[in-house]
Amino acid sequence: RMYLVRGMLGVATNTYDASGDYSRVSPYKHVSENDMREALNECYVGNIQQIPPVLPSFRFLQKSKLFEGRLVSRDPCEVTINGIEIVEFEPPSFQLHIHSVGR
């Protein structure tokens, strides 16, 4: 699978996705494209244990009609990240291509 990810450095939201309100704002100007590339490759490329955020998982289940009033499972699942490519880096915005296998 390949995913296009858009994000903003220095911002966290209360829903862990773009629909939420800012819950934290941090400095980001010290982060270079090379710093980001090194951190992504060191921390996320290879086999990782992924725990999906609560609200995006809940919204997905509602839309897919799989939700039947149950709690959303947030057990970790193994995902293999084959590679992460920075396709745009214009701080605070960035875009990544993520190549993965899993789920």
C-alpha atoms as a PDB file:
ATOM      1  CA  ARG A   1       0.000   0.000   0.000  1.00  0.00           C
ATOM      2  CA  MET A   2       1.075   3.564  -0.551  1.00  0.00           C
ATOM      3  CA  TYR A   3      -0.248   6.475   1.472  1.00  0.00           C
ATOM      4  CA  LEU A   4       0.036  10.209   0.908  1.00  0.00           C
ATOM      5  CA  VAL A   5       0.386  11.955   4.246  1.00  0.00           C
ATOM      6  CA  ARG A   6       0.037  15.696   4.753  1.00  0.00           C
ATOM      7  CA  GLY A   7       1.074  17.223   8.023  1.00  0.00           C
ATOM      8  CA  MET A   8       2.214  20.298   9.861  1.00  0.00           C
ATOM      9  CA  LEU A   9       5.273  20.509  12.048  1.00  0.00           C
ATOM     10  CA  GLY A  10       4.734  21.809  15.565  1.00  0.00           C
ATOM     11  CA  VAL A  11       0.989  21.162  15.790  1.00  0.00           C
ATOM     12  CA  ALA A  12      -1.024  18.481  17.601  1.00  0.00           C
ATOM     13  CA  THR A  13      -4.807  18.210  17.585  1.00  0.00           C
ATOM     14  CA  ASN A  14      -7.235  16.803  20.120  1.00  0.00           C
ATOM     15  CA  THR A  15      -8.474  14.213  17.581  1.00  0.00           C
ATOM     16  CA  TYR A  16      -5.051  13.185  16.173  1.00  0.00           C
ATOM     17  CA  ASP A  17      -6.193  14.216  12.696  1.00  0.00           C
ATOM     18  CA  ALA A  18      -6.838  17.396  10.709  1.00  0.00           C
ATOM     19  CA  SER A  19     -10.458  17.739  11.873  1.00  0.00           C
ATOM     20  CA  GLY A  20      -9.543  18.550  15.475  1.00  0.00           C
ATOM     21  CA  ASP A  21      -8.696  21.711  17.340  1.00  0.00           C
ATOM     22  CA  TYR A  22      -5.073  22.522  18.105  1.00  0.00           C
ATOM     23  CA  SER A  23      -4.218  21.010  21.467  1.00  0.00           C
ATOM     24  CA  ARG A  24      -0.522  21.895  21.387  1.00  0.00           C
ATOM     25  CA  VAL A  25       1.668  24.218  19.344  1.00  0.00           C
ATOM     26  CA  SER A  26       5.455  23.859  19.491  1.00  0.00           C
ATOM     27  CA  PRO A  27       8.450  25.484  17.792  1.00  0.00           C
ATOM     28  CA  TYR A  28       9.390  23.833  14.493  1.00  0.00           C
ATOM     29  CA  LYS A  29      11.812  26.166  12.694  1.00  0.00           C
ATOM     30  CA  HIS A  30      14.834  24.201  13.932  1.00  0.00           C
ATOM     31  CA  VAL A  31      13.685  21.058  12.050  1.00  0.00           C
ATOM     32  CA  SER A  32      15.402  20.627   8.682  1.00  0.00           C
ATOM     33  CA  GLU A  33      14.296  18.299   5.897  1.00  0.00           C
ATOM     34  CA  ASN A  34      17.336  16.124   6.608  1.00  0.00           C
ATOM     35  CA  ASP A  35      16.474  15.983  10.349  1.00  0.00           C
ATOM     36  CA  MET A  36      12.978  14.839   9.470  1.00  0.00           C
ATOM     37  CA  ARG A  37      14.216  12.229   6.965  1.00  0.00           C
ATOM     38  CA  GLU A  38      16.657  10.775   9.512  1.00  0.00           C
ATOM     39  CA  ALA A  39      14.044  10.653  12.292  1.00  0.00           C
ATOM     40  CA  LEU A  40      11.410   9.015  10.068  1.00  0.00           C
ATOM     41  CA  ASN A  41      13.824   6.359   8.812  1.00  0.00           C
ATOM     42  CA  GLU A  42      15.222   5.638  12.268  1.00  0.00           C
ATOM     43  CA  CYS A  43      11.880   5.442  14.087  1.00  0.00           C
ATOM     44  CA  TYR A  44       9.349   4.218  11.537  1.00  0.00           C
ATOM     45  CA  VAL A  45      10.937   2.231   8.702  1.00  0.00           C
ATOM     46  CA  GLY A  46      10.784  -1.521   9.297  1.00  0.00           C
ATOM     47  CA  ASN A  47       8.364  -3.472  11.480  1.00  0.00           C
ATOM     48  CA  ILE A  48       6.413  -1.306  13.916  1.00  0.00           C
ATOM     49  CA  GLN A  49       3.524  -1.814  16.318  1.00  0.00           C
ATOM     50  CA  GLN A  50       0.738   0.569  15.320  1.00  0.00           C
ATOM     51  CA  ILE A  51      -2.125   1.622  17.595  1.00  0.00           C
ATOM     52  CA  PRO A  52      -4.806   3.511  15.661  1.00  0.00           C
ATOM     53  CA  PRO A  53      -6.087   6.790  17.149  1.00  0.00           C
ATOM     54  CA  VAL A  54      -9.543   6.481  18.736  1.00  0.00           C
ATOM     55  CA  LEU A  55     -11.544   9.082  16.810  1.00  0.00           C
ATOM     56  CA  PRO A  56     -10.330   8.401  13.247  1.00  0.00           C
ATOM     57  CA  SER A  57     -10.881   4.655  13.826  1.00  0.00           C
ATOM     58  CA  PHE A  58     -14.361   5.333  15.192  1.00  0.00           C
ATOM     59  CA  ARG A  59     -15.252   7.556  12.224  1.00  0.00           C
ATOM     60  CA  PHE A  60     -13.984   4.942   9.756  1.00  0.00           C
ATOM     61  CA  LEU A  61     -16.062   2.198  11.364  1.00  0.00           C
ATOM     62  CA  GLN A  62     -19.181   4.369  11.344  1.00  0.00           C
ATOM     63  CA  LYS A  63     -18.738   5.184   7.649  1.00  0.00           C
ATOM     64  CA  SER A  64     -18.014   1.580   6.720  1.00  0.00           C
ATOM     65  CA  LYS A  65     -21.118   0.333   8.586  1.00  0.00           C
ATOM     66  CA  LEU A  66     -18.989  -2.106  10.583  1.00  0.00           C
ATOM     67  CA  PHE A  67     -19.736  -0.272  13.810  1.00  0.00           C
ATOM     68  CA  GLU A  68     -22.486  -1.916  15.860  1.00  0.00           C
ATOM     69  CA  GLY A  69     -22.252  -0.002  19.118  1.00  0.00           C
ATOM     70  CA  ARG A  70     -19.044  -1.792  20.166  1.00  0.00           C
ATOM     71  CA  LEU A  71     -15.899  -0.208  21.471  1.00  0.00           C
ATOM     72  CA  VAL A  72     -13.289   0.275  18.779  1.00  0.00           C
ATOM     73  CA  SER A  73     -10.395  -2.161  19.163  1.00  0.00           C
ATOM     74  CA  ARG A  74      -7.130  -0.329  19.627  1.00  0.00           C
ATOM     75  CA  ASP A  75      -4.890  -3.327  20.073  1.00  0.00           C
ATOM     76  CA  PRO A  76      -1.477  -2.876  18.464  1.00  0.00           C
ATOM     77  CA  CYS A  77      -1.002  -4.532  15.101  1.00  0.00           C
ATOM     78  CA  GLU A  78       2.250  -5.131  13.287  1.00  0.00           C
ATOM     79  CA  VAL A  79       2.798  -3.026  10.198  1.00  0.00           C
ATOM     80  CA  THR A  80       5.852  -3.091   7.959  1.00  0.00           C
ATOM     81  CA  ILE A  81       6.924   0.289   6.635  1.00  0.00           C
ATOM     82  CA  ASN A  82       9.050  -0.333   3.537  1.00  0.00           C
ATOM     83  CA  GLY A  83       9.953   3.287   2.981  1.00  0.00           C
ATOM     84  CA  ILE A  84       9.065   6.898   3.648  1.00  0.00           C
ATOM     85  CA  GLU A  85       9.757   9.586   1.079  1.00  0.00           C
ATOM     86  CA  ILE A  86       9.464  13.307   1.743  1.00  0.00           C
ATOM     87  CA  VAL A  87       7.755  14.702  -1.360  1.00  0.00           C
ATOM     88  CA  GLU A  88       7.256  18.244  -0.080  1.00  0.00           C
ATOM     89  CA  PHE A  89       8.924  20.121   2.747  1.00  0.00           C
ATOM     90  CA  GLU A  90       7.805  23.732   3.171  1.00  0.00           C
ATOM     91  CA  PRO A  91       7.675  24.276   6.942  1.00  0.00           C
ATOM     92  CA  PRO A  92       5.407  24.077   8.688  1.00  0.00           C
ATOM     93  CA  SER A  93       3.742  21.941   5.964  1.00  0.00           C
ATOM     94  CA  PHE A  94       5.062  18.668   4.606  1.00  0.00           C
ATOM     95  CA  GLN A  95       3.912  15.705   2.513  1.00  0.00           C
ATOM     96  CA  LEU A  96       5.136  12.126   2.669  1.00  0.00           C
ATOM     97  CA  HIS A  97       4.676   8.986   0.604  1.00  0.00           C
ATOM     98  CA  ILE A  98       4.582   5.973   2.900  1.00  0.00           C
ATOM     99  CA  HIS A  99       5.017   2.483   1.420  1.00  0.00           C
ATOM    100  CA  SER A 100       3.710  -0.165   3.808  1.00  0.00           C
ATOM    101  CA  VAL A 101       2.506  -3.729   4.226  1.00  0.00           C
ATOM    102  CA  GLY A 102       0.106  -4.739   6.967  1.00  0.00           C
ATOM    103  CA  ARG A 103      -3.436  -5.068   8.202  1.00  0.00           C
END
